[in-house]
Amino acid sequence: MLLNGTGEVIDDYEYPATTDELIETHGDRVLELPNGSEQVGDVLARLESETFETPEDARFAIYAAVSDKAVGRVGYSDRDPTPVGSPYKPDAVSF
């Protein structure tokens, strides 16, 4: 994910800051994602209203709220087994 300068303006903002304040001041900034792009305002709008005490809190909230456009392959993991009942489980193969 490329923050396209968003990280710097978030770092320079005065904290504590609310979700609404960040949307108002930086909502039009664009994040470049592997499968498209999103505006910061759309990303933060997915969260409940909260107050960020530090720039790191705001940055982590943005990382956590991006859509599946930030994911290479939805439901894919080469590290963890597929959870029971997952719609992404592989088809059973019989030998």
PDB file of N, CA and C in Angstrom:
ATOM      1  N   MET A   1       0.856  -1.166   0.000  1.00  0.00           N
ATOM      2  CA  MET A   1       0.000   0.000   0.000  1.00  0.00           C
ATOM      3  C   MET A   1       0.900   1.225   0.000  1.00  0.00           C
ATOM      4  N   LEU A   2       0.611   2.154  -0.892  1.00  0.00           N
ATOM      5  CA  LEU A   2       1.346   3.403  -0.942  1.00  0.00           C
ATOM      6  C   LEU A   2       0.489   4.510  -0.334  1.00  0.00           C
ATOM      7  N   LEU A   3       1.010   5.138   0.681  1.00  0.00           N
ATOM      8  CA  LEU A   3       0.246   6.186   1.362  1.00  0.00           C
ATOM      9  C   LEU A   3       0.269   7.505   0.602  1.00  0.00           C
ATOM     10  N   ASN A   4       1.156   7.645  -0.396  1.00  0.00           N
ATOM     11  CA  ASN A   4       1.207   8.850  -1.230  1.00  0.00           C
ATOM     12  C   ASN A   4       1.237  10.130  -0.418  1.00  0.00           C
ATOM     13  N   GLY A   5       2.091  10.181   0.572  1.00  0.00           N
ATOM     14  CA  GLY A   5       2.237  11.373   1.394  1.00  0.00           C
ATOM     15  C   GLY A   5       1.252  11.468   2.539  1.00  0.00           C
ATOM     16  N   THR A   6       0.284  10.573   2.593  1.00  0.00           N
ATOM     17  CA  THR A   6      -0.715  10.611   3.659  1.00  0.00           C
ATOM     18  C   THR A   6      -0.065  10.377   5.015  1.00  0.00           C
ATOM     19  N   GLY A   7       0.914   9.503   5.070  1.00  0.00           N
ATOM     20  CA  GLY A   7       1.601   9.225   6.331  1.00  0.00           C
ATOM     21  C   GLY A   7       2.217  10.472   6.932  1.00  0.00           C
ATOM     22  N   GLU A   8       2.825  11.296   6.082  1.00  0.00           N
ATOM     23  CA  GLU A   8       3.461  12.524   6.572  1.00  0.00           C
ATOM     24  C   GLU A   8       2.433  13.519   7.112  1.00  0.00           C
ATOM     25  N   VAL A   9       1.306  13.693   6.406  1.00  0.00           N
ATOM     26  CA  VAL A   9       0.317  14.662   6.905  1.00  0.00           C
ATOM     27  C   VAL A   9      -0.369  14.143   8.160  1.00  0.00           C
ATOM     28  N   ILE A  10      -0.516  12.828   8.263  1.00  0.00           N
ATOM     29  CA  ILE A  10      -1.082  12.261   9.493  1.00  0.00           C
ATOM     30  C   ILE A  10      -0.107  12.469  10.646  1.00  0.00           C
ATOM     31  N   ASP A  11       1.192  12.272  10.380  1.00  0.00           N
ATOM     32  CA  ASP A  11       2.198  12.487  11.420  1.00  0.00           C
ATOM     33  C   ASP A  11       2.240  13.936  11.878  1.00  0.00           C
ATOM     34  N   ASP A  12       1.995  14.871  10.967  1.00  0.00           N
ATOM     35  CA  ASP A  12       2.074  16.296  11.286  1.00  0.00           C
ATOM     36  C   ASP A  12       0.798  16.850  11.916  1.00  0.00           C
ATOM     37  N   TYR A  13      -0.281  16.072  11.908  1.00  0.00           N
ATOM     38  CA  TYR A  13      -1.546  16.538  12.466  1.00  0.00           C
ATOM     39  C   TYR A  13      -1.428  16.628  13.984  1.00  0.00           C
ATOM     40  N   GLU A  14      -2.211  17.503  14.597  1.00  0.00           N
ATOM     41  CA  GLU A  14      -2.172  17.675  16.052  1.00  0.00           C
ATOM     42  C   GLU A  14      -3.116  16.672  16.717  1.00  0.00           C
ATOM     43  N   TYR A  15      -2.594  15.913  17.665  1.00  0.00           N
ATOM     44  CA  TYR A  15      -3.352  14.870  18.362  1.00  0.00           C
ATOM     45  C   TYR A  15      -3.584  15.254  19.803  1.00  0.00           C
ATOM     46  N   PRO A  16      -4.678  14.759  20.403  1.00  0.00           N
ATOM     47  CA  PRO A  16      -5.619  13.770  19.903  1.00  0.00           C
ATOM     48  C   PRO A  16      -6.482  14.329  18.768  1.00  0.00           C
ATOM     49  N   ALA A  17      -6.944  13.405  17.913  1.00  0.00           N
ATOM     50  CA  ALA A  17      -7.786  13.756  16.766  1.00  0.00           C
ATOM     51  C   ALA A  17      -8.867  12.697  16.611  1.00  0.00           C
ATOM     52  N   THR A  18     -10.039  13.125  16.182  1.00  0.00           N
ATOM     53  CA  THR A  18     -11.142  12.187  15.994  1.00  0.00           C
ATOM     54  C   THR A  18     -11.166  11.686  14.550  1.00  0.00           C
ATOM     55  N   THR A  19     -11.895  10.606  14.356  1.00  0.00           N
ATOM     56  CA  THR A  19     -12.085  10.060  13.014  1.00  0.00           C
ATOM     57  C   THR A  19     -12.666  11.132  12.101  1.00  0.00           C
ATOM     58  N   ASP A  20     -13.681  11.844  12.571  1.00  0.00           N
ATOM     59  CA  ASP A  20     -14.329  12.883  11.759  1.00  0.00           C
ATOM     60  C   ASP A  20     -13.371  14.009  11.391  1.00  0.00           C
ATOM     61  N   GLU A  21     -12.509  14.398  12.307  1.00  0.00           N
ATOM     62  CA  GLU A  21     -11.531  15.458  12.008  1.00  0.00           C
ATOM     63  C   GLU A  21     -10.561  15.013  10.918  1.00  0.00           C
ATOM     64  N   LEU A  22     -10.095  13.780  11.004  1.00  0.00           N
ATOM     65  CA  LEU A  22      -9.173  13.285   9.983  1.00  0.00           C
ATOM     66  C   LEU A  22      -9.859  13.147   8.631  1.00  0.00           C
ATOM     67  N   ILE A  23     -11.110  12.729   8.629  1.00  0.00           N
ATOM     68  CA  ILE A  23     -11.859  12.641   7.374  1.00  0.00           C
ATOM     69  C   ILE A  23     -12.016  14.034   6.767  1.00  0.00           C
ATOM     70  N   GLU A  24     -12.346  15.009   7.604  1.00  0.00           N
ATOM     71  CA  GLU A  24     -12.548  16.378   7.118  1.00  0.00           C
ATOM     72  C   GLU A  24     -11.268  16.969   6.529  1.00  0.00           C
ATOM     73  N   THR A  25     -10.145  16.742   7.179  1.00  0.00           N
ATOM     74  CA  THR A  25      -8.902  17.378   6.730  1.00  0.00           C
ATOM     75  C   THR A  25      -8.128  16.561   5.702  1.00  0.00           C
ATOM     76  N   HIS A  26      -8.218  15.230   5.747  1.00  0.00           N
ATOM     77  CA  HIS A  26      -7.407  14.401   4.858  1.00  0.00           C
ATOM     78  C   HIS A  26      -8.219  13.377   4.068  1.00  0.00           C
ATOM     79  N   GLY A  27      -9.529  13.484   4.106  1.00  0.00           N
ATOM     80  CA  GLY A  27     -10.390  12.493   3.472  1.00  0.00           C
ATOM     81  C   GLY A  27     -10.245  12.364   1.975  1.00  0.00           C
ATOM     82  N   ASP A  28      -9.772  13.404   1.301  1.00  0.00           N
ATOM     83  CA  ASP A  28      -9.650  13.348  -0.152  1.00  0.00           C
ATOM     84  C   ASP A  28      -8.323  12.762  -0.622  1.00  0.00           C
ATOM     85  N   ARG A  29      -7.424  12.461   0.288  1.00  0.00           N
ATOM     86  CA  ARG A  29      -6.126  11.868  -0.077  1.00  0.00           C
ATOM     87  C   ARG A  29      -6.348  10.445  -0.586  1.00  0.00           C
ATOM     88  N   VAL A  30      -5.574  10.046  -1.579  1.00  0.00           N
ATOM     89  CA  VAL A  30      -5.744   8.747  -2.217  1.00  0.00           C
ATOM     90  C   VAL A  30      -4.654   7.779  -1.773  1.00  0.00           C
ATOM     91  N   LEU A  31      -5.072   6.570  -1.421  1.00  0.00           N
ATOM     92  CA  LEU A  31      -4.158   5.482  -1.092  1.00  0.00           C
ATOM     93  C   LEU A  31      -4.086   4.557  -2.300  1.00  0.00           C
ATOM     94  N   GLU A  32      -2.899   4.272  -2.786  1.00  0.00           N
ATOM     95  CA  GLU A  32      -2.729   3.331  -3.895  1.00  0.00           C
ATOM     96  C   GLU A  32      -2.599   1.928  -3.315  1.00  0.00           C
ATOM     97  N   LEU A  33      -3.468   1.032  -3.760  1.00  0.00           N
ATOM     98  CA  LEU A  33      -3.514  -0.332  -3.263  1.00  0.00           C
ATOM     99  C   LEU A  33      -3.162  -1.303  -4.392  1.00  0.00           C
ATOM    100  N   PRO A  34      -2.783  -2.530  -4.084  1.00  0.00           N
ATOM    101  CA  PRO A  34      -2.412  -3.471  -5.141  1.00  0.00           C
ATOM    102  C   PRO A  34      -3.494  -3.683  -6.201  1.00  0.00           C
ATOM    103  N   ASN A  35      -4.757  -3.584  -5.813  1.00  0.00           N
ATOM    104  CA  ASN A  35      -5.859  -3.834  -6.749  1.00  0.00           C
ATOM    105  C   ASN A  35      -6.766  -2.620  -6.916  1.00  0.00           C
ATOM    106  N   GLY A  36      -6.196  -1.430  -6.934  1.00  0.00           N
ATOM    107  CA  GLY A  36      -6.990  -0.217  -7.106  1.00  0.00           C
ATOM    108  C   GLY A  36      -6.540   0.865  -6.152  1.00  0.00           C
ATOM    109  N   SER A  37      -7.451   1.747  -5.824  1.00  0.00           N
ATOM    110  CA  SER A  37      -7.147   2.836  -4.901  1.00  0.00           C
ATOM    111  C   SER A  37      -8.393   3.170  -4.095  1.00  0.00           C
ATOM    112  N   GLU A  38      -8.183   3.878  -2.981  1.00  0.00           N
ATOM    113  CA  GLU A  38      -9.285   4.321  -2.122  1.00  0.00           C
ATOM    114  C   GLU A  38      -8.921   5.661  -1.523  1.00  0.00           C
ATOM    115  N   GLN A  39      -9.942   6.444  -1.212  1.00  0.00           N
ATOM    116  CA  GLN A  39      -9.708   7.699  -0.516  1.00  0.00           C
ATOM    117  C   GLN A  39      -9.690   7.440   0.989  1.00  0.00           C
ATOM    118  N   VAL A  40      -8.861   8.199   1.687  1.00  0.00           N
ATOM    119  CA  VAL A  40      -8.736   8.062   3.140  1.00  0.00           C
ATOM    120  C   VAL A  40     -10.094   8.234   3.815  1.00  0.00           C
ATOM    121  N   GLY A  41     -10.906   9.162   3.331  1.00  0.00           N
ATOM    122  CA  GLY A  41     -12.226   9.388   3.918  1.00  0.00           C
ATOM    123  C   GLY A  41     -13.108   8.153   3.851  1.00  0.00           C
ATOM    124  N   ASP A  42     -13.064   7.439   2.719  1.00  0.00           N
ATOM    125  CA  ASP A  42     -13.857   6.210   2.584  1.00  0.00           C
ATOM    126  C   ASP A  42     -13.346   5.124   3.523  1.00  0.00           C
ATOM    127  N   VAL A  43     -12.029   5.057   3.683  1.00  0.00           N
ATOM    128  CA  VAL A  43     -11.436   4.055   4.562  1.00  0.00           C
ATOM    129  C   VAL A  43     -11.830   4.326   6.012  1.00  0.00           C
ATOM    130  N   LEU A  44     -11.639   5.563   6.465  1.00  0.00           N
ATOM    131  CA  LEU A  44     -11.951   5.902   7.862  1.00  0.00           C
ATOM    132  C   LEU A  44     -13.447   5.863   8.152  1.00  0.00           C
ATOM    133  N   ALA A  45     -14.287   6.065   7.135  1.00  0.00           N
ATOM    134  CA  ALA A  45     -15.736   6.022   7.335  1.00  0.00           C
ATOM    135  C   ALA A  45     -16.214   4.623   7.717  1.00  0.00           C
ATOM    136  N   ARG A  46     -15.410   3.602   7.452  1.00  0.00           N
ATOM    137  CA  ARG A  46     -15.772   2.237   7.837  1.00  0.00           C
ATOM    138  C   ARG A  46     -15.641   1.999   9.335  1.00  0.00           C
ATOM    139  N   LEU A  47     -14.936   2.875  10.016  1.00  0.00           N
ATOM    140  CA  LEU A  47     -14.692   2.724  11.447  1.00  0.00           C
ATOM    141  C   LEU A  47     -15.754   3.446  12.255  1.00  0.00           C
ATOM    142  N   GLU A  48     -15.928   2.997  13.479  1.00  0.00           N
ATOM    143  CA  GLU A  48     -16.763   3.754  14.403  1.00  0.00           C
ATOM    144  C   GLU A  48     -16.002   5.021  14.769  1.00  0.00           C
ATOM    145  N   SER A  49     -16.715   6.026  15.179  1.00  0.00           N
ATOM    146  CA  SER A  49     -16.064   7.272  15.574  1.00  0.00           C
ATOM    147  C   SER A  49     -15.181   7.015  16.796  1.00  0.00           C
ATOM    148  N   GLU A  50     -13.930   7.404  16.676  1.00  0.00           N
ATOM    149  CA  GLU A  50     -13.009   7.228  17.794  1.00  0.00           C
ATOM    150  C   GLU A  50     -12.024   8.383  17.836  1.00  0.00           C
ATOM    151  N   THR A  51     -11.301   8.451  18.918  1.00  0.00           N
ATOM    152  CA  THR A  51     -10.282   9.483  19.089  1.00  0.00           C
ATOM    153  C   THR A  51      -8.919   8.812  19.068  1.00  0.00           C
ATOM    154  N   PHE A  52      -8.047   9.308  18.198  1.00  0.00           N
ATOM    155  CA  PHE A  52      -6.693   8.787  18.077  1.00  0.00           C
ATOM    156  C   PHE A  52      -5.772   9.645  18.924  1.00  0.00           C
ATOM    157  N   GLU A  53      -5.012   8.999  19.782  1.00  0.00           N
ATOM    158  CA  GLU A  53      -4.110   9.719  20.679  1.00  0.00           C
ATOM    159  C   GLU A  53      -2.769  10.039  20.025  1.00  0.00           C
ATOM    160  N   THR A  54      -2.367   9.234  19.039  1.00  0.00           N
ATOM    161  CA  THR A  54      -1.070   9.414  18.390  1.00  0.00           C
ATOM    162  C   THR A  54      -1.215   9.206  16.885  1.00  0.00           C
ATOM    163  N   PRO A  55      -0.247   9.700  16.105  1.00  0.00           N
ATOM    164  CA  PRO A  55      -0.270   9.439  14.664  1.00  0.00           C
ATOM    165  C   PRO A  55      -0.228   7.938  14.355  1.00  0.00           C
ATOM    166  N   GLU A  56       0.496   7.188  15.168  1.00  0.00           N
ATOM    167  CA  GLU A  56       0.580   5.742  14.958  1.00  0.00           C
ATOM    168  C   GLU A  56      -0.801   5.095  15.088  1.00  0.00           C
ATOM    169  N   ASP A  57      -1.619   5.543  16.042  1.00  0.00           N
ATOM    170  CA  ASP A  57      -2.979   5.014  16.184  1.00  0.00           C
ATOM    171  C   ASP A  57      -3.784   5.253  14.914  1.00  0.00           C
ATOM    172  N   ALA A  58      -3.681   6.453  14.355  1.00  0.00           N
ATOM    173  CA  ALA A  58      -4.418   6.790  13.136  1.00  0.00           C
ATOM    174  C   ALA A  58      -3.918   5.967  11.955  1.00  0.00           C
ATOM    175  N   ARG A  59      -2.627   5.814  11.856  1.00  0.00           N
ATOM    176  CA  ARG A  59      -2.038   5.044  10.748  1.00  0.00           C
ATOM    177  C   ARG A  59      -2.488   3.580  10.815  1.00  0.00           C
ATOM    178  N   PHE A  60      -2.454   2.981  12.013  1.00  0.00           N
ATOM    179  CA  PHE A  60      -2.885   1.594  12.155  1.00  0.00           C
ATOM    180  C   PHE A  60      -4.374   1.442  11.838  1.00  0.00           C
ATOM    181  N   ALA A  61      -5.179   2.437  12.181  1.00  0.00           N
ATOM    182  CA  ALA A  61      -6.607   2.393  11.865  1.00  0.00           C
ATOM    183  C   ALA A  61      -6.813   2.379  10.351  1.00  0.00           C
ATOM    184  N   ILE A  62      -6.035   3.170   9.641  1.00  0.00           N
ATOM    185  CA  ILE A  62      -6.142   3.187   8.177  1.00  0.00           C
ATOM    186  C   ILE A  62      -5.725   1.834   7.611  1.00  0.00           C
ATOM    187  N   TYR A  63      -4.610   1.289   8.093  1.00  0.00           N
ATOM    188  CA  TYR A  63      -4.162  -0.024   7.629  1.00  0.00           C
ATOM    189  C   TYR A  63      -5.244  -1.081   7.856  1.00  0.00           C
ATOM    190  N   ALA A  64      -5.897  -1.025   8.998  1.00  0.00           N
ATOM    191  CA  ALA A  64      -6.883  -2.035   9.354  1.00  0.00           C
ATOM    192  C   ALA A  64      -8.194  -1.891   8.589  1.00  0.00           C
ATOM    193  N   ALA A  65      -8.494  -0.705   8.075  1.00  0.00           N
ATOM    194  CA  ALA A  65      -9.806  -0.467   7.483  1.00  0.00           C
ATOM    195  C   ALA A  65      -9.828  -0.467   5.957  1.00  0.00           C
ATOM    196  N   VAL A  66      -8.677  -0.635   5.312  1.00  0.00           N
ATOM    197  CA  VAL A  66      -8.704  -0.667   3.844  1.00  0.00           C
ATOM    198  C   VAL A  66      -9.500  -1.878   3.377  1.00  0.00           C
ATOM    199  N   SER A  67     -10.048  -1.791   2.182  1.00  0.00           N
ATOM    200  CA  SER A  67     -10.883  -2.867   1.651  1.00  0.00           C
ATOM    201  C   SER A  67     -10.026  -4.013   1.117  1.00  0.00           C
ATOM    202  N   ASP A  68     -10.692  -4.972   0.503  1.00  0.00           N
ATOM    203  CA  ASP A  68      -9.957  -6.104  -0.059  1.00  0.00           C
ATOM    204  C   ASP A  68      -9.152  -5.721  -1.301  1.00  0.00           C
ATOM    205  N   LYS A  69      -9.221  -4.462  -1.720  1.00  0.00           N
ATOM    206  CA  LYS A  69      -8.349  -3.988  -2.794  1.00  0.00           C
ATOM    207  C   LYS A  69      -6.888  -4.000  -2.344  1.00  0.00           C
ATOM    208  N   ALA A  70      -6.665  -4.073  -1.042  1.00  0.00           N
ATOM    209  CA  ALA A  70      -5.307  -4.096  -0.503  1.00  0.00           C
ATOM    210  C   ALA A  70      -4.765  -5.515  -0.369  1.00  0.00           C
ATOM    211  N   VAL A  71      -5.589  -6.505  -0.707  1.00  0.00           N
ATOM    212  CA  VAL A  71      -5.205  -7.894  -0.544  1.00  0.00           C
ATOM    213  C   VAL A  71      -4.908  -8.496  -1.910  1.00  0.00           C
ATOM    214  N   GLY A  72      -3.798  -9.197  -2.012  1.00  0.00           N
ATOM    215  CA  GLY A  72      -3.443  -9.820  -3.281  1.00  0.00           C
ATOM    216  C   GLY A  72      -4.498 -10.806  -3.749  1.00  0.00           C
ATOM    217  N   ARG A  73      -4.748 -11.848  -2.977  1.00  0.00           N
ATOM    218  CA  ARG A  73      -5.773 -12.837  -3.294  1.00  0.00           C
ATOM    219  C   ARG A  73      -6.654 -12.996  -2.067  1.00  0.00           C
ATOM    220  N   VAL A  74      -7.911 -12.640  -2.182  1.00  0.00           N
ATOM    221  CA  VAL A  74      -8.835 -12.705  -1.062  1.00  0.00           C
ATOM    222  C   VAL A  74      -8.973 -14.152  -0.595  1.00  0.00           C
ATOM    223  N   GLY A  75      -8.806 -14.356   0.711  1.00  0.00           N
ATOM    224  CA  GLY A  75      -8.968 -15.674   1.295  1.00  0.00           C
ATOM    225  C   GLY A  75      -7.751 -16.574   1.175  1.00  0.00           C
ATOM    226  N   TYR A  76      -6.681 -16.105   0.555  1.00  0.00           N
ATOM    227  CA  TYR A  76      -5.493 -16.931   0.358  1.00  0.00           C
ATOM    228  C   TYR A  76      -4.483 -16.708   1.466  1.00  0.00           C
ATOM    229  N   SER A  77      -3.920 -17.796   1.948  1.00  0.00           N
ATOM    230  CA  SER A  77      -2.822 -17.732   2.895  1.00  0.00           C
ATOM    231  C   SER A  77      -1.936 -18.931   2.654  1.00  0.00           C
ATOM    232  N   ASP A  78      -0.655 -18.695   2.539  1.00  0.00           N
ATOM    233  CA  ASP A  78       0.258 -19.819   2.375  1.00  0.00           C
ATOM    234  C   ASP A  78       0.860 -20.247   3.704  1.00  0.00           C
ATOM    235  N   ARG A  79       0.341 -19.686   4.792  1.00  0.00           N
ATOM    236  CA  ARG A  79       0.911 -19.992   6.103  1.00  0.00           C
ATOM    237  C   ARG A  79      -0.060 -20.710   7.040  1.00  0.00           C
ATOM    238  N   ASP A  80      -1.290 -20.334   7.000  1.00  0.00           N
ATOM    239  CA  ASP A  80      -2.255 -20.880   7.940  1.00  0.00           C
ATOM    240  C   ASP A  80      -3.181 -21.866   7.242  1.00  0.00           C
ATOM    241  N   PRO A  81      -3.612 -22.908   7.950  1.00  0.00           N
ATOM    242  CA  PRO A  81      -4.592 -23.802   7.342  1.00  0.00           C
ATOM    243  C   PRO A  81      -5.925 -23.072   7.166  1.00  0.00           C
ATOM    244  N   THR A  82      -6.702 -23.522   6.201  1.00  0.00           N
ATOM    245  CA  THR A  82      -8.018 -22.926   5.965  1.00  0.00           C
ATOM    246  C   THR A  82      -8.920 -23.218   7.161  1.00  0.00           C
ATOM    247  N   PRO A  83      -9.547 -22.182   7.738  1.00  0.00           N
ATOM    248  CA  PRO A  83     -10.437 -22.409   8.882  1.00  0.00           C
ATOM    249  C   PRO A  83     -11.631 -23.289   8.500  1.00  0.00           C
ATOM    250  N   VAL A  84     -12.094 -24.081   9.429  1.00  0.00           N
ATOM    251  CA  VAL A  84     -13.258 -24.939   9.209  1.00  0.00           C
ATOM    252  C   VAL A  84     -14.448 -24.065   8.840  1.00  0.00           C
ATOM    253  N   GLY A  85     -15.153 -24.446   7.789  1.00  0.00           N
ATOM    254  CA  GLY A  85     -16.339 -23.716   7.363  1.00  0.00           C
ATOM    255  C   GLY A  85     -16.048 -22.522   6.479  1.00  0.00           C
ATOM    256  N   SER A  86     -14.800 -22.279   6.142  1.00  0.00           N
ATOM    257  CA  SER A  86     -14.443 -21.140   5.306  1.00  0.00           C
ATOM    258  C   SER A  86     -14.956 -21.336   3.882  1.00  0.00           C
ATOM    259  N   PRO A  87     -15.503 -20.302   3.270  1.00  0.00           N
ATOM    260  CA  PRO A  87     -15.940 -20.426   1.873  1.00  0.00           C
ATOM    261  C   PRO A  87     -14.751 -20.522   0.912  1.00  0.00           C
ATOM    262  N   TYR A  88     -13.545 -20.313   1.396  1.00  0.00           N
ATOM    263  CA  TYR A  88     -12.352 -20.340   0.548  1.00  0.00           C
ATOM    264  C   TYR A  88     -11.595 -21.666   0.630  1.00  0.00           C
ATOM    265  N   LYS A  89     -12.197 -22.665   1.269  1.00  0.00           N
ATOM    266  CA  LYS A  89     -11.500 -23.941   1.418  1.00  0.00           C
ATOM    267  C   LYS A  89     -11.310 -24.585   0.049  1.00  0.00           C
ATOM    268  N   PRO A  90     -10.230 -25.336  -0.119  1.00  0.00           N
ATOM    269  CA  PRO A  90     -10.004 -26.006  -1.392  1.00  0.00           C
ATOM    270  C   PRO A  90     -10.975 -27.162  -1.572  1.00  0.00           C
ATOM    271  N   ASP A  91     -11.208 -27.533  -2.824  1.00  0.00           N
ATOM    272  CA  ASP A  91     -12.066 -28.689  -3.098  1.00  0.00           C
ATOM    273  C   ASP A  91     -11.364 -29.957  -2.631  1.00  0.00           C
ATOM    274  N   ALA A  92     -12.149 -30.863  -2.097  1.00  0.00           N
ATOM    275  CA  ALA A  92     -11.603 -32.145  -1.654  1.00  0.00           C
ATOM    276  C   ALA A  92     -11.154 -32.963  -2.856  1.00  0.00           C
ATOM    277  N   VAL A  93     -10.005 -33.608  -2.719  1.00  0.00           N
ATOM    278  CA  VAL A  93      -9.472 -34.440  -3.796  1.00  0.00           C
ATOM    279  C   VAL A  93      -9.337 -35.853  -3.268  1.00  0.00           C
ATOM    280  N   SER A  94      -9.816 -36.821  -4.056  1.00  0.00           N
ATOM    281  CA  SER A  94      -9.727 -38.224  -3.664  1.00  0.00           C
ATOM    282  C   SER A  94      -8.680 -38.909  -4.547  1.00  0.00           C
ATOM    283  N   PHE A  95      -7.810 -39.667  -3.912  1.00  0.00           N
ATOM    284  CA  PHE A  95      -6.783 -40.382  -4.679  1.00  0.00           C
ATOM    285  C   PHE A  95      -7.220 -41.761  -4.885  1.00  0.00           C
TER     286      PHE A  95
END
